[in-house]
């Protein structure tokens, strides 16, 4: 029996939405709170890894925890739900699967935003830089309710409210330029990451 239910988004937005159980969101927040490796959110600059990273709270103001491959099993319940969300997305938008193979290859990021925090500027997840060139689809789950916060998509003219359990998937490219809808009064937790093309090596 499915643990998720669809949250209807405009079909032509190419954004899919599903609600996962609230207790699973609580598991992710609990993982975050217990972590001893919280770091200020960073923004990658320029077109190559040599350009480095910076923390600029005028652009992105968050405290993040990165989940590497050997830690993912601790959030099995979340990733099992996410897998089902992806399968539903690919049934809805079949040509998103008519590409090279892809999977979660990079660290997954749990982010905490205090009131007035957020990703404040328009951005995309694949800008062609060496850091993000392989990104195909983006996923994000709101881990708590934020009545006056969420995510705004520029070209879709769409604001998605932060609702606990709402998981959205969308293309990583400029077509889905977006930014956070900043709450002045509420904190926000999300978990987010990317389905990236699998790197192939010669030989």
C-alpha atoms as a PDB file:
ATOM      1  CA  UNK A   1       0.000   0.000   0.000  1.00  0.00           C
ATOM      2  CA  UNK A   2       1.349   3.397  -0.995  1.00  0.00           C
ATOM      3  CA  UNK A   3       2.466   5.734   1.786  1.00  0.00           C
ATOM      4  CA  UNK A   4       2.191   8.824  -0.396  1.00  0.00           C
ATOM      5  CA  UNK A   5      -0.616  10.705  -2.090  1.00  0.00           C
ATOM      6  CA  UNK A   6      -0.460  13.145  -4.984  1.00  0.00           C
ATOM      7  CA  UNK A   7      -0.536  16.882  -4.430  1.00  0.00           C
ATOM      8  CA  UNK A   8      -1.848  18.341  -7.646  1.00  0.00           C
ATOM      9  CA  UNK A   9       0.358  20.835  -9.454  1.00  0.00           C
ATOM     10  CA  UNK A  10      -0.360  22.454 -12.837  1.00  0.00           C
ATOM     11  CA  UNK A  11       0.626  19.778 -15.360  1.00  0.00           C
ATOM     12  CA  UNK A  12       2.424  22.187 -17.698  1.00  0.00           C
ATOM     13  CA  UNK A  13       4.584  23.439 -14.836  1.00  0.00           C
ATOM     14  CA  UNK A  14       6.562  20.154 -15.051  1.00  0.00           C
ATOM     15  CA  UNK A  15       6.574  20.167 -11.245  1.00  0.00           C
ATOM     16  CA  UNK A  16       5.253  17.060  -9.532  1.00  0.00           C
ATOM     17  CA  UNK A  17       4.005  17.010  -5.962  1.00  0.00           C
ATOM     18  CA  UNK A  18       3.304  14.272  -3.416  1.00  0.00           C
ATOM     19  CA  UNK A  19       2.647  14.178   0.319  1.00  0.00           C
ATOM     20  CA  UNK A  20       4.710  11.780   2.408  1.00  0.00           C
ATOM     21  CA  UNK A  21       3.819  10.809   6.027  1.00  0.00           C
ATOM     22  CA  UNK A  22       4.493  13.456   8.654  1.00  0.00           C
ATOM     23  CA  UNK A  23       6.230  11.015  10.982  1.00  0.00           C
ATOM     24  CA  UNK A  24       8.891  10.480   8.319  1.00  0.00           C
ATOM     25  CA  UNK A  25       9.482  14.239   8.216  1.00  0.00           C
ATOM     26  CA  UNK A  26       9.955  14.091  11.988  1.00  0.00           C
ATOM     27  CA  UNK A  27      12.583  11.357  11.513  1.00  0.00           C
ATOM     28  CA  UNK A  28      14.542  13.612   9.164  1.00  0.00           C
ATOM     29  CA  UNK A  29      14.349  16.600  11.517  1.00  0.00           C
ATOM     30  CA  UNK A  30      15.473  14.377  14.388  1.00  0.00           C
ATOM     31  CA  UNK A  31      18.464  13.241  12.318  1.00  0.00           C
ATOM     32  CA  UNK A  32      19.317  16.892  11.658  1.00  0.00           C
ATOM     33  CA  UNK A  33      19.007  17.938  15.298  1.00  0.00           C
ATOM     34  CA  UNK A  34      21.265  15.109  16.470  1.00  0.00           C
ATOM     35  CA  UNK A  35      23.964  15.878  13.906  1.00  0.00           C
ATOM     36  CA  UNK A  36      27.240  17.350  15.130  1.00  0.00           C
ATOM     37  CA  UNK A  37      28.179  18.478  11.634  1.00  0.00           C
ATOM     38  CA  UNK A  38      25.979  21.498  10.992  1.00  0.00           C
ATOM     39  CA  UNK A  39      27.485  24.081   8.654  1.00  0.00           C
ATOM     40  CA  UNK A  40      26.447  27.456   7.232  1.00  0.00           C
ATOM     41  CA  UNK A  41      24.904  27.051   3.805  1.00  0.00           C
ATOM     42  CA  UNK A  42      27.290  27.828   0.953  1.00  0.00           C
ATOM     43  CA  UNK A  43      26.866  29.019  -2.595  1.00  0.00           C
ATOM     44  CA  UNK A  44      29.190  27.742  -5.304  1.00  0.00           C
ATOM     45  CA  UNK A  45      30.693  30.468  -7.423  1.00  0.00           C
ATOM     46  CA  UNK A  46      31.836  30.567 -11.013  1.00  0.00           C
ATOM     47  CA  UNK A  47      32.140  27.818 -13.564  1.00  0.00           C
ATOM     48  CA  UNK A  48      34.648  25.466 -12.002  1.00  0.00           C
ATOM     49  CA  UNK A  49      35.574  23.962  -8.677  1.00  0.00           C
ATOM     50  CA  UNK A  50      38.657  26.183  -8.624  1.00  0.00           C
ATOM     51  CA  UNK A  51      36.325  29.149  -8.124  1.00  0.00           C
ATOM     52  CA  UNK A  52      35.664  27.935  -4.610  1.00  0.00           C
ATOM     53  CA  UNK A  53      32.677  28.467  -2.359  1.00  0.00           C
ATOM     54  CA  UNK A  54      31.450  31.287  -0.199  1.00  0.00           C
ATOM     55  CA  UNK A  55      28.969  31.950   2.556  1.00  0.00           C
ATOM     56  CA  UNK A  56      26.867  35.023   1.847  1.00  0.00           C
ATOM     57  CA  UNK A  57      23.746  35.307   3.984  1.00  0.00           C
ATOM     58  CA  UNK A  58      22.380  37.990   1.665  1.00  0.00           C
ATOM     59  CA  UNK A  59      22.100  35.202  -0.909  1.00  0.00           C
ATOM     60  CA  UNK A  60      21.506  32.070   1.178  1.00  0.00           C
ATOM     61  CA  UNK A  61      21.043  32.074   4.932  1.00  0.00           C
ATOM     62  CA  UNK A  62      20.798  28.524   6.273  1.00  0.00           C
ATOM     63  CA  UNK A  63      22.451  25.950   8.502  1.00  0.00           C
ATOM     64  CA  UNK A  64      22.918  22.666   6.638  1.00  0.00           C
ATOM     65  CA  UNK A  65      23.672  19.023   7.282  1.00  0.00           C
ATOM     66  CA  UNK A  66      24.990  16.941   4.391  1.00  0.00           C
ATOM     67  CA  UNK A  67      24.125  13.262   4.142  1.00  0.00           C
ATOM     68  CA  UNK A  68      26.764  11.227   2.349  1.00  0.00           C
ATOM     69  CA  UNK A  69      26.246   7.814   0.805  1.00  0.00           C
ATOM     70  CA  UNK A  70      27.262   5.844   3.884  1.00  0.00           C
ATOM     71  CA  UNK A  71      24.673   7.669   6.021  1.00  0.00           C
ATOM     72  CA  UNK A  72      21.679   7.370   3.689  1.00  0.00           C
ATOM     73  CA  UNK A  73      20.546   4.070   5.219  1.00  0.00           C
ATOM     74  CA  UNK A  74      19.706   5.913   8.448  1.00  0.00           C
ATOM     75  CA  UNK A  75      16.852   7.612   6.579  1.00  0.00           C
ATOM     76  CA  UNK A  76      15.590   4.572   4.685  1.00  0.00           C
ATOM     77  CA  UNK A  77      11.948   5.457   5.305  1.00  0.00           C
ATOM     78  CA  UNK A  78      12.401   8.847   3.672  1.00  0.00           C
ATOM     79  CA  UNK A  79      14.312   7.581   0.659  1.00  0.00           C
ATOM     80  CA  UNK A  80      11.812   4.775   0.073  1.00  0.00           C
ATOM     81  CA  UNK A  81       9.030   7.373  -0.108  1.00  0.00           C
ATOM     82  CA  UNK A  82      11.172   9.547  -2.346  1.00  0.00           C
ATOM     83  CA  UNK A  83      11.718   6.605  -4.695  1.00  0.00           C
ATOM     84  CA  UNK A  84       7.959   6.235  -5.039  1.00  0.00           C
ATOM     85  CA  UNK A  85       7.617   9.967  -5.728  1.00  0.00           C
ATOM     86  CA  UNK A  86      10.197   9.694  -8.502  1.00  0.00           C
ATOM     87  CA  UNK A  87       8.440   6.700 -10.056  1.00  0.00           C
ATOM     88  CA  UNK A  88       5.199   8.660 -10.120  1.00  0.00           C
ATOM     89  CA  UNK A  89       6.961  11.681 -11.622  1.00  0.00           C
ATOM     90  CA  UNK A  90       8.404   9.561 -14.425  1.00  0.00           C
ATOM     91  CA  UNK A  91       4.980   8.100 -15.146  1.00  0.00           C
ATOM     92  CA  UNK A  92       3.549  11.603 -15.426  1.00  0.00           C
ATOM     93  CA  UNK A  93       6.441  13.064 -17.443  1.00  0.00           C
ATOM     94  CA  UNK A  94       7.700  10.037 -19.346  1.00  0.00           C
ATOM     95  CA  UNK A  95      10.336  11.831 -21.412  1.00  0.00           C
ATOM     96  CA  UNK A  96      12.188  12.766 -18.231  1.00  0.00           C
ATOM     97  CA  UNK A  97      13.214   9.111 -18.273  1.00  0.00           C
ATOM     98  CA  UNK A  98      14.183   9.074 -21.953  1.00  0.00           C
ATOM     99  CA  UNK A  99      17.731  10.127 -21.096  1.00  0.00           C
ATOM    100  CA  UNK A 100      20.993   8.633 -19.868  1.00  0.00           C
ATOM    101  CA  UNK A 101      20.786   6.781 -16.557  1.00  0.00           C
ATOM    102  CA  UNK A 102      20.572   8.925 -13.434  1.00  0.00           C
ATOM    103  CA  UNK A 103      20.490   8.505  -9.679  1.00  0.00           C
ATOM    104  CA  UNK A 104      21.340  10.327  -6.446  1.00  0.00           C
ATOM    105  CA  UNK A 105      25.103  10.705  -6.795  1.00  0.00           C
ATOM    106  CA  UNK A 106      25.798  13.723  -4.593  1.00  0.00           C
ATOM    107  CA  UNK A 107      25.276  14.442  -0.926  1.00  0.00           C
ATOM    108  CA  UNK A 108      21.708  15.112   0.139  1.00  0.00           C
ATOM    109  CA  UNK A 109      21.215  18.300   2.112  1.00  0.00           C
ATOM    110  CA  UNK A 110      19.002  18.965   5.143  1.00  0.00           C
ATOM    111  CA  UNK A 111      18.597  22.707   5.566  1.00  0.00           C
ATOM    112  CA  UNK A 112      17.353  24.798   8.465  1.00  0.00           C
ATOM    113  CA  UNK A 113      16.226  28.379   7.930  1.00  0.00           C
ATOM    114  CA  UNK A 114      15.582  30.652  10.874  1.00  0.00           C
ATOM    115  CA  UNK A 115      12.968  33.421  10.472  1.00  0.00           C
ATOM    116  CA  UNK A 116      14.118  35.774   7.671  1.00  0.00           C
ATOM    117  CA  UNK A 117      16.430  33.035   6.407  1.00  0.00           C
ATOM    118  CA  UNK A 118      16.244  31.345   3.035  1.00  0.00           C
ATOM    119  CA  UNK A 119      17.703  31.182  -0.466  1.00  0.00           C
ATOM    120  CA  UNK A 120      16.871  34.759  -1.304  1.00  0.00           C
ATOM    121  CA  UNK A 121      17.891  35.160  -4.942  1.00  0.00           C
ATOM    122  CA  UNK A 122      16.704  33.622  -8.193  1.00  0.00           C
ATOM    123  CA  UNK A 123      18.760  30.560  -9.105  1.00  0.00           C
ATOM    124  CA  UNK A 124      18.688  27.265 -10.946  1.00  0.00           C
ATOM    125  CA  UNK A 125      20.118  23.891  -9.943  1.00  0.00           C
ATOM    126  CA  UNK A 126      22.024  23.242 -13.176  1.00  0.00           C
ATOM    127  CA  UNK A 127      23.831  26.310 -14.471  1.00  0.00           C
ATOM    128  CA  UNK A 128      26.379  24.316 -16.485  1.00  0.00           C
ATOM    129  CA  UNK A 129      29.177  24.726 -13.952  1.00  0.00           C
ATOM    130  CA  UNK A 130      31.476  21.815 -13.221  1.00  0.00           C
ATOM    131  CA  UNK A 131      29.795  21.436  -9.823  1.00  0.00           C
ATOM    132  CA  UNK A 132      26.247  21.035 -11.123  1.00  0.00           C
ATOM    133  CA  UNK A 133      26.561  20.105 -14.794  1.00  0.00           C
ATOM    134  CA  UNK A 134      25.233  16.559 -14.298  1.00  0.00           C
ATOM    135  CA  UNK A 135      22.037  17.494 -12.469  1.00  0.00           C
ATOM    136  CA  UNK A 136      18.838  16.343 -14.164  1.00  0.00           C
ATOM    137  CA  UNK A 137      16.001  16.555 -11.621  1.00  0.00           C
ATOM    138  CA  UNK A 138      15.669  18.249  -8.248  1.00  0.00           C
ATOM    139  CA  UNK A 139      13.766  16.949  -5.239  1.00  0.00           C
ATOM    140  CA  UNK A 140      12.743  18.791  -2.106  1.00  0.00           C
ATOM    141  CA  UNK A 141      10.563  17.910   0.875  1.00  0.00           C
ATOM    142  CA  UNK A 142       9.184  20.479   3.289  1.00  0.00           C
ATOM    143  CA  UNK A 143       9.652  19.031   6.757  1.00  0.00           C
ATOM    144  CA  UNK A 144       7.388  21.446   8.622  1.00  0.00           C
ATOM    145  CA  UNK A 145       4.479  23.768   7.932  1.00  0.00           C
ATOM    146  CA  UNK A 146       5.398  27.367   7.146  1.00  0.00           C
ATOM    147  CA  UNK A 147       2.161  29.319   6.519  1.00  0.00           C
ATOM    148  CA  UNK A 148       3.987  32.330   5.089  1.00  0.00           C
ATOM    149  CA  UNK A 149       6.899  30.526   3.403  1.00  0.00           C
ATOM    150  CA  UNK A 150       7.677  28.210   0.533  1.00  0.00           C
ATOM    151  CA  UNK A 151       9.234  28.353  -2.932  1.00  0.00           C
ATOM    152  CA  UNK A 152       8.530  30.658  -5.858  1.00  0.00           C
ATOM    153  CA  UNK A 153       9.093  29.528  -9.461  1.00  0.00           C
ATOM    154  CA  UNK A 154       9.738  32.427 -11.811  1.00  0.00           C
ATOM    155  CA  UNK A 155       8.589  31.300 -15.255  1.00  0.00           C
ATOM    156  CA  UNK A 156       5.773  29.116 -13.955  1.00  0.00           C
ATOM    157  CA  UNK A 157       4.442  32.111 -11.998  1.00  0.00           C
ATOM    158  CA  UNK A 158       3.850  29.644  -9.197  1.00  0.00           C
ATOM    159  CA  UNK A 159       4.310  29.831  -5.435  1.00  0.00           C
ATOM    160  CA  UNK A 160       4.436  26.502  -3.604  1.00  0.00           C
ATOM    161  CA  UNK A 161       3.568  26.752   0.073  1.00  0.00           C
ATOM    162  CA  UNK A 162       5.724  24.890   2.577  1.00  0.00           C
ATOM    163  CA  UNK A 163       3.435  22.108   3.803  1.00  0.00           C
ATOM    164  CA  UNK A 164       4.813  19.359   6.017  1.00  0.00           C
ATOM    165  CA  UNK A 165       5.425  16.268   3.907  1.00  0.00           C
ATOM    166  CA  UNK A 166       5.006  17.969   0.531  1.00  0.00           C
ATOM    167  CA  UNK A 167       7.679  16.595  -1.781  1.00  0.00           C
ATOM    168  CA  UNK A 168       8.214  18.265  -5.132  1.00  0.00           C
ATOM    169  CA  UNK A 169      10.322  17.203  -8.112  1.00  0.00           C
ATOM    170  CA  UNK A 170      11.218  19.452 -11.032  1.00  0.00           C
ATOM    171  CA  UNK A 171      13.792  19.849 -13.843  1.00  0.00           C
ATOM    172  CA  UNK A 172      17.136  21.291 -12.799  1.00  0.00           C
ATOM    173  CA  UNK A 173      17.493  23.801 -15.625  1.00  0.00           C
ATOM    174  CA  UNK A 174      16.915  27.543 -16.165  1.00  0.00           C
ATOM    175  CA  UNK A 175      13.300  26.821 -17.063  1.00  0.00           C
ATOM    176  CA  UNK A 176      12.715  26.319 -13.348  1.00  0.00           C
ATOM    177  CA  UNK A 177      14.505  29.333 -11.937  1.00  0.00           C
ATOM    178  CA  UNK A 178      13.297  29.723  -8.369  1.00  0.00           C
ATOM    179  CA  UNK A 179      13.927  31.237  -4.963  1.00  0.00           C
ATOM    180  CA  UNK A 180      12.692  30.823  -1.421  1.00  0.00           C
ATOM    181  CA  UNK A 181       9.592  32.589  -0.205  1.00  0.00           C
ATOM    182  CA  UNK A 182      10.990  34.070   2.987  1.00  0.00           C
ATOM    183  CA  UNK A 183       9.063  33.846   6.245  1.00  0.00           C
ATOM    184  CA  UNK A 184       9.682  36.689   8.672  1.00  0.00           C
ATOM    185  CA  UNK A 185       8.149  34.808  11.590  1.00  0.00           C
ATOM    186  CA  UNK A 186       8.632  31.041  11.134  1.00  0.00           C
ATOM    187  CA  UNK A 187      11.553  28.665  10.881  1.00  0.00           C
ATOM    188  CA  UNK A 188      11.686  26.196   7.991  1.00  0.00           C
ATOM    189  CA  UNK A 189      13.235  22.756   7.523  1.00  0.00           C
ATOM    190  CA  UNK A 190      13.686  21.066   4.161  1.00  0.00           C
ATOM    191  CA  UNK A 191      15.586  18.128   2.710  1.00  0.00           C
ATOM    192  CA  UNK A 192      16.762  18.509  -0.865  1.00  0.00           C
ATOM    193  CA  UNK A 193      19.065  17.031  -3.472  1.00  0.00           C
ATOM    194  CA  UNK A 194      19.428  16.003  -7.091  1.00  0.00           C
ATOM    195  CA  UNK A 195      19.045  13.119  -9.461  1.00  0.00           C
ATOM    196  CA  UNK A 196      22.193  13.434 -11.558  1.00  0.00           C
ATOM    197  CA  UNK A 197      23.388  11.643 -14.664  1.00  0.00           C
ATOM    198  CA  UNK A 198      25.572   8.725 -13.731  1.00  0.00           C
ATOM    199  CA  UNK A 199      29.210   9.533 -14.412  1.00  0.00           C
ATOM    200  CA  UNK A 200      30.750   7.192 -16.941  1.00  0.00           C
ATOM    201  CA  UNK A 201      34.446   6.420 -17.086  1.00  0.00           C
ATOM    202  CA  UNK A 202      36.414   5.047 -20.029  1.00  0.00           C
ATOM    203  CA  UNK A 203      37.628   1.455 -19.938  1.00  0.00           C
END
